[in-house]
Amino acid sequence: MALPPGNIRYLVRISIPRSGGWRQWEAGSGAFEQRLAGKPAVIAARVDSQTRRGPDYVRVTVAIDVAAPDVAEALTTAWRAFREAAGDDAAGWDMAAATADVRPDS
């Protein structure tokens, strides 16, 4: 993909706890992943890993490739895509416990 002038391709990984347990997450994970893609400046997005801890806890890591002029804009774009994918189910995510890793994608 040709990037817009002045932009760099970044890989943003957002890791966030999901309440409701493994079965509830599995039931909606495919639709969530589809909603991640197709956002402006998002090149690709996918659920990267899922870690289960107990019956009511799943930590989900999403990997989002974005085109942005700098790290701050890359993180903002990826977080916006995540929040839009969460949609009406934002209460099912522990937003305060989210972590992110942003790196230039080579």
N, C-alpha and C. Protein backbone atom coordinates (compact mmCIF):
# COMPACT_ATOMS: atom_id res chain seq x y z
N MET A 1 0.84 -1.18 0.00
CA MET A 1 0.00 0.00 0.00
C MET A 1 0.88 1.24 0.00
N ALA A 2 0.59 2.17 -0.87
CA ALA A 2 1.31 3.44 -0.90
C ALA A 2 0.77 4.34 0.21
N LEU A 3 1.66 4.83 1.03
CA LEU A 3 1.26 5.69 2.13
C LEU A 3 1.11 7.12 1.67
N PRO A 4 0.19 7.86 2.27
CA PRO A 4 0.09 9.29 1.96
C PRO A 4 1.41 9.99 2.27
N PRO A 5 1.76 11.05 1.56
CA PRO A 5 3.02 11.76 1.82
C PRO A 5 3.12 12.19 3.28
N GLY A 6 4.30 12.01 3.85
CA GLY A 6 4.54 12.42 5.23
C GLY A 6 4.11 11.41 6.28
N ASN A 7 3.57 10.29 5.85
CA ASN A 7 3.13 9.27 6.80
C ASN A 7 4.09 8.10 6.87
N ILE A 8 4.10 7.45 8.01
CA ILE A 8 4.89 6.26 8.26
C ILE A 8 3.92 5.16 8.64
N ARG A 9 4.27 3.95 8.34
CA ARG A 9 3.45 2.81 8.76
C ARG A 9 3.88 2.40 10.18
N TYR A 10 2.91 2.36 11.09
CA TYR A 10 3.15 1.96 12.49
C TYR A 10 2.33 0.72 12.81
N LEU A 11 2.88 -0.10 13.70
CA LEU A 11 2.15 -1.23 14.26
C LEU A 11 1.82 -0.88 15.70
N VAL A 12 0.54 -0.85 16.01
CA VAL A 12 0.07 -0.53 17.35
C VAL A 12 -0.58 -1.78 17.92
N ARG A 13 -0.11 -2.19 19.09
CA ARG A 13 -0.73 -3.33 19.80
C ARG A 13 -1.41 -2.78 21.04
N ILE A 14 -2.69 -3.02 21.14
CA ILE A 14 -3.47 -2.62 22.30
C ILE A 14 -3.88 -3.90 23.03
N SER A 15 -3.54 -3.96 24.31
CA SER A 15 -3.89 -5.11 25.14
C SER A 15 -4.85 -4.63 26.22
N ILE A 16 -6.00 -5.31 26.33
CA ILE A 16 -7.05 -4.82 27.22
C ILE A 16 -7.88 -5.98 27.77
N PRO A 17 -8.21 -5.92 29.06
CA PRO A 17 -9.06 -6.96 29.65
C PRO A 17 -10.51 -6.84 29.15
N ARG A 18 -11.11 -7.99 28.98
CA ARG A 18 -12.51 -8.09 28.53
C ARG A 18 -13.28 -8.85 29.60
N SER A 19 -14.36 -8.28 30.09
CA SER A 19 -15.17 -8.97 31.09
C SER A 19 -16.19 -9.85 30.40
N GLY A 20 -16.80 -10.71 31.16
CA GLY A 20 -17.85 -11.56 30.61
C GLY A 20 -17.42 -12.98 30.30
N GLY A 21 -16.15 -13.27 30.39
CA GLY A 21 -15.69 -14.63 30.21
C GLY A 21 -15.37 -15.01 28.78
N TRP A 22 -14.72 -16.16 28.68
CA TRP A 22 -14.21 -16.67 27.41
C TRP A 22 -15.33 -16.93 26.40
N ARG A 23 -16.38 -17.60 26.82
CA ARG A 23 -17.46 -17.95 25.87
C ARG A 23 -18.14 -16.72 25.30
N GLN A 24 -18.38 -15.73 26.15
CA GLN A 24 -19.01 -14.51 25.66
C GLN A 24 -18.09 -13.79 24.66
N TRP A 25 -16.78 -13.75 24.95
CA TRP A 25 -15.83 -13.13 24.03
C TRP A 25 -15.78 -13.89 22.72
N GLU A 26 -15.69 -15.21 22.78
CA GLU A 26 -15.61 -16.01 21.56
C GLU A 26 -16.83 -15.81 20.67
N ALA A 27 -17.98 -15.62 21.28
CA ALA A 27 -19.21 -15.44 20.50
C ALA A 27 -19.18 -14.15 19.68
N GLY A 28 -18.53 -13.11 20.19
CA GLY A 28 -18.52 -11.84 19.48
C GLY A 28 -17.20 -11.43 18.88
N SER A 29 -16.17 -12.27 19.01
CA SER A 29 -14.83 -11.86 18.57
C SER A 29 -14.72 -11.66 17.06
N GLY A 30 -15.39 -12.48 16.29
CA GLY A 30 -15.32 -12.34 14.83
C GLY A 30 -15.91 -11.02 14.36
N ALA A 31 -17.06 -10.66 14.90
CA ALA A 31 -17.69 -9.39 14.53
C ALA A 31 -16.84 -8.21 14.99
N PHE A 32 -16.25 -8.33 16.18
CA PHE A 32 -15.38 -7.27 16.68
C PHE A 32 -14.20 -7.06 15.73
N GLU A 33 -13.57 -8.15 15.30
CA GLU A 33 -12.42 -8.05 14.41
C GLU A 33 -12.81 -7.42 13.07
N GLN A 34 -13.98 -7.74 12.56
CA GLN A 34 -14.44 -7.14 11.31
C GLN A 34 -14.66 -5.64 11.46
N ARG A 35 -15.17 -5.22 12.62
CA ARG A 35 -15.40 -3.79 12.84
C ARG A 35 -14.09 -3.01 12.97
N LEU A 36 -13.00 -3.68 13.35
CA LEU A 36 -11.70 -3.00 13.45
C LEU A 36 -11.19 -2.54 12.09
N ALA A 37 -11.45 -3.34 11.08
CA ALA A 37 -10.93 -3.03 9.73
C ALA A 37 -11.82 -1.98 9.05
N GLY A 38 -11.29 -1.36 8.05
CA GLY A 38 -12.06 -0.44 7.24
C GLY A 38 -12.15 0.98 7.76
N LYS A 39 -11.38 1.31 8.75
CA LYS A 39 -11.38 2.68 9.27
C LYS A 39 -10.35 3.50 8.50
N PRO A 40 -10.56 4.81 8.36
CA PRO A 40 -9.57 5.64 7.69
C PRO A 40 -8.21 5.54 8.38
N ALA A 41 -7.17 5.45 7.61
CA ALA A 41 -5.77 5.36 8.06
C ALA A 41 -5.42 4.00 8.65
N VAL A 42 -6.39 3.08 8.77
CA VAL A 42 -6.09 1.73 9.24
C VAL A 42 -5.77 0.87 8.03
N ILE A 43 -4.56 0.34 8.01
CA ILE A 43 -4.12 -0.50 6.90
C ILE A 43 -4.62 -1.93 7.11
N ALA A 44 -4.45 -2.44 8.32
CA ALA A 44 -4.89 -3.79 8.66
C ALA A 44 -5.14 -3.84 10.17
N ALA A 45 -6.03 -4.73 10.58
CA ALA A 45 -6.32 -4.88 12.01
C ALA A 45 -6.74 -6.33 12.25
N ARG A 46 -6.30 -6.84 13.40
CA ARG A 46 -6.64 -8.23 13.73
C ARG A 46 -6.52 -8.44 15.23
N VAL A 47 -7.22 -9.45 15.72
CA VAL A 47 -7.03 -9.89 17.10
C VAL A 47 -5.74 -10.70 17.09
N ASP A 48 -4.76 -10.25 17.86
CA ASP A 48 -3.42 -10.86 17.85
C ASP A 48 -3.32 -12.01 18.85
N SER A 49 -3.91 -11.84 20.04
CA SER A 49 -3.89 -12.92 21.03
C SER A 49 -5.03 -12.75 22.01
N GLN A 50 -5.35 -13.85 22.69
CA GLN A 50 -6.40 -13.89 23.68
C GLN A 50 -5.90 -14.75 24.84
N THR A 51 -5.86 -14.19 26.02
CA THR A 51 -5.35 -14.91 27.18
C THR A 51 -6.47 -15.02 28.21
N ARG A 52 -6.80 -16.22 28.56
CA ARG A 52 -7.87 -16.46 29.53
C ARG A 52 -7.28 -16.65 30.92
N ARG A 53 -7.88 -15.97 31.89
CA ARG A 53 -7.49 -16.14 33.29
C ARG A 53 -8.77 -16.26 34.11
N GLY A 54 -9.13 -17.45 34.44
CA GLY A 54 -10.35 -17.67 35.20
C GLY A 54 -11.59 -17.61 34.31
N PRO A 55 -12.74 -17.85 34.91
CA PRO A 55 -13.96 -17.95 34.11
C PRO A 55 -14.49 -16.61 33.57
N ASP A 56 -14.13 -15.50 34.20
CA ASP A 56 -14.70 -14.22 33.82
C ASP A 56 -13.69 -13.21 33.29
N TYR A 57 -12.50 -13.66 32.90
CA TYR A 57 -11.47 -12.70 32.50
C TYR A 57 -10.76 -13.18 31.25
N VAL A 58 -10.68 -12.31 30.27
CA VAL A 58 -9.94 -12.55 29.04
C VAL A 58 -9.18 -11.27 28.72
N ARG A 59 -7.87 -11.38 28.47
CA ARG A 59 -7.10 -10.22 28.01
C ARG A 59 -6.92 -10.40 26.51
N VAL A 60 -7.38 -9.41 25.76
CA VAL A 60 -7.34 -9.45 24.31
C VAL A 60 -6.29 -8.45 23.83
N THR A 61 -5.46 -8.88 22.90
CA THR A 61 -4.49 -7.98 22.28
C THR A 61 -4.84 -7.85 20.81
N VAL A 62 -5.03 -6.62 20.36
CA VAL A 62 -5.30 -6.37 18.95
C VAL A 62 -4.08 -5.71 18.34
N ALA A 63 -3.79 -6.05 17.10
CA ALA A 63 -2.68 -5.45 16.36
C ALA A 63 -3.29 -4.65 15.22
N ILE A 64 -2.93 -3.37 15.17
CA ILE A 64 -3.50 -2.47 14.17
C ILE A 64 -2.36 -1.77 13.44
N ASP A 65 -2.29 -1.95 12.13
CA ASP A 65 -1.33 -1.24 11.28
C ASP A 65 -1.99 0.06 10.83
N VAL A 66 -1.32 1.17 11.09
CA VAL A 66 -1.88 2.46 10.70
C VAL A 66 -0.84 3.29 9.96
N ALA A 67 -1.34 4.22 9.15
CA ALA A 67 -0.49 5.21 8.49
C ALA A 67 -0.68 6.52 9.22
N ALA A 68 0.42 7.07 9.73
CA ALA A 68 0.34 8.31 10.50
C ALA A 68 1.65 9.07 10.39
N PRO A 69 1.60 10.39 10.62
CA PRO A 69 2.83 11.18 10.54
C PRO A 69 3.75 11.01 11.74
N ASP A 70 3.20 10.55 12.89
CA ASP A 70 4.03 10.38 14.09
C ASP A 70 3.39 9.37 15.04
N VAL A 71 4.12 9.05 16.10
CA VAL A 71 3.68 8.03 17.06
C VAL A 71 2.37 8.42 17.73
N ALA A 72 2.25 9.67 18.13
CA ALA A 72 1.03 10.12 18.82
C ALA A 72 -0.20 9.94 17.95
N GLU A 73 -0.10 10.30 16.70
CA GLU A 73 -1.23 10.15 15.79
C GLU A 73 -1.52 8.68 15.52
N ALA A 74 -0.48 7.85 15.45
CA ALA A 74 -0.67 6.41 15.25
C ALA A 74 -1.47 5.81 16.41
N LEU A 75 -1.09 6.17 17.63
CA LEU A 75 -1.80 5.66 18.80
C LEU A 75 -3.23 6.18 18.83
N THR A 76 -3.43 7.44 18.54
CA THR A 76 -4.77 8.03 18.53
C THR A 76 -5.66 7.33 17.51
N THR A 77 -5.12 7.08 16.32
CA THR A 77 -5.88 6.42 15.26
C THR A 77 -6.26 5.00 15.67
N ALA A 78 -5.30 4.26 16.22
CA ALA A 78 -5.57 2.88 16.63
C ALA A 78 -6.58 2.84 17.78
N TRP A 79 -6.44 3.72 18.75
CA TRP A 79 -7.37 3.75 19.89
C TRP A 79 -8.78 4.09 19.41
N ARG A 80 -8.88 5.03 18.48
CA ARG A 80 -10.19 5.40 17.92
C ARG A 80 -10.82 4.20 17.21
N ALA A 81 -10.02 3.47 16.43
CA ALA A 81 -10.53 2.28 15.74
C ALA A 81 -11.00 1.24 16.75
N PHE A 82 -10.23 1.05 17.83
CA PHE A 82 -10.64 0.10 18.86
C PHE A 82 -11.96 0.53 19.50
N ARG A 83 -12.06 1.80 19.89
CA ARG A 83 -13.28 2.30 20.55
C ARG A 83 -14.49 2.16 19.64
N GLU A 84 -14.32 2.44 18.35
CA GLU A 84 -15.43 2.30 17.41
C GLU A 84 -15.82 0.83 17.24
N ALA A 85 -14.83 -0.06 17.24
CA ALA A 85 -15.14 -1.49 17.13
C ALA A 85 -15.86 -1.99 18.39
N ALA A 86 -15.50 -1.45 19.55
CA ALA A 86 -16.16 -1.83 20.80
C ALA A 86 -17.61 -1.35 20.78
N GLY A 87 -17.85 -0.20 20.17
CA GLY A 87 -19.20 0.32 19.98
C GLY A 87 -20.03 0.38 21.25
N ASP A 88 -21.23 -0.17 21.17
CA ASP A 88 -22.15 -0.16 22.31
C ASP A 88 -21.70 -1.07 23.43
N ASP A 89 -20.70 -1.89 23.19
CA ASP A 89 -20.22 -2.85 24.19
C ASP A 89 -19.00 -2.32 24.94
N ALA A 90 -18.78 -1.01 24.93
CA ALA A 90 -17.60 -0.44 25.59
C ALA A 90 -17.54 -0.78 27.07
N ALA A 91 -18.67 -0.97 27.72
CA ALA A 91 -18.69 -1.31 29.14
C ALA A 91 -18.11 -2.70 29.39
N GLY A 92 -18.03 -3.52 28.37
CA GLY A 92 -17.47 -4.87 28.51
C GLY A 92 -15.95 -4.90 28.52
N TRP A 93 -15.32 -3.75 28.31
CA TRP A 93 -13.87 -3.65 28.28
C TRP A 93 -13.39 -2.82 29.47
N ASP A 94 -12.26 -3.18 30.05
CA ASP A 94 -11.68 -2.42 31.15
C ASP A 94 -10.72 -1.39 30.55
N MET A 95 -11.26 -0.27 30.09
CA MET A 95 -10.48 0.75 29.40
C MET A 95 -9.33 1.29 30.25
N ALA A 96 -9.53 1.38 31.56
CA ALA A 96 -8.49 1.92 32.45
C ALA A 96 -7.29 0.99 32.54
N ALA A 97 -7.45 -0.28 32.22
CA ALA A 97 -6.35 -1.24 32.32
C ALA A 97 -5.70 -1.51 30.95
N ALA A 98 -6.06 -0.74 29.94
CA ALA A 98 -5.49 -0.94 28.60
C ALA A 98 -4.03 -0.52 28.58
N THR A 99 -3.25 -1.24 27.80
CA THR A 99 -1.86 -0.87 27.54
C THR A 99 -1.66 -0.85 26.02
N ALA A 100 -0.65 -0.10 25.60
CA ALA A 100 -0.38 -0.02 24.16
C ALA A 100 1.11 -0.01 23.91
N ASP A 101 1.48 -0.54 22.76
CA ASP A 101 2.85 -0.55 22.28
C ASP A 101 2.80 -0.06 20.84
N VAL A 102 3.58 0.97 20.53
CA VAL A 102 3.59 1.55 19.19
C VAL A 102 5.01 1.50 18.65
N ARG A 103 5.14 0.95 17.44
CA ARG A 103 6.46 0.84 16.80
C ARG A 103 6.34 1.09 15.31
N PRO A 104 7.37 1.70 14.71
CA PRO A 104 7.36 1.78 13.25
C PRO A 104 7.34 0.35 12.68
N ASP A 105 6.52 0.14 11.68
CA ASP A 105 6.40 -1.20 11.07
C ASP A 105 7.35 -1.27 9.90
N SER A 106 8.28 -2.20 9.97
CA SER A 106 9.25 -2.32 8.87
C SER A 106 8.84 -3.34 7.87
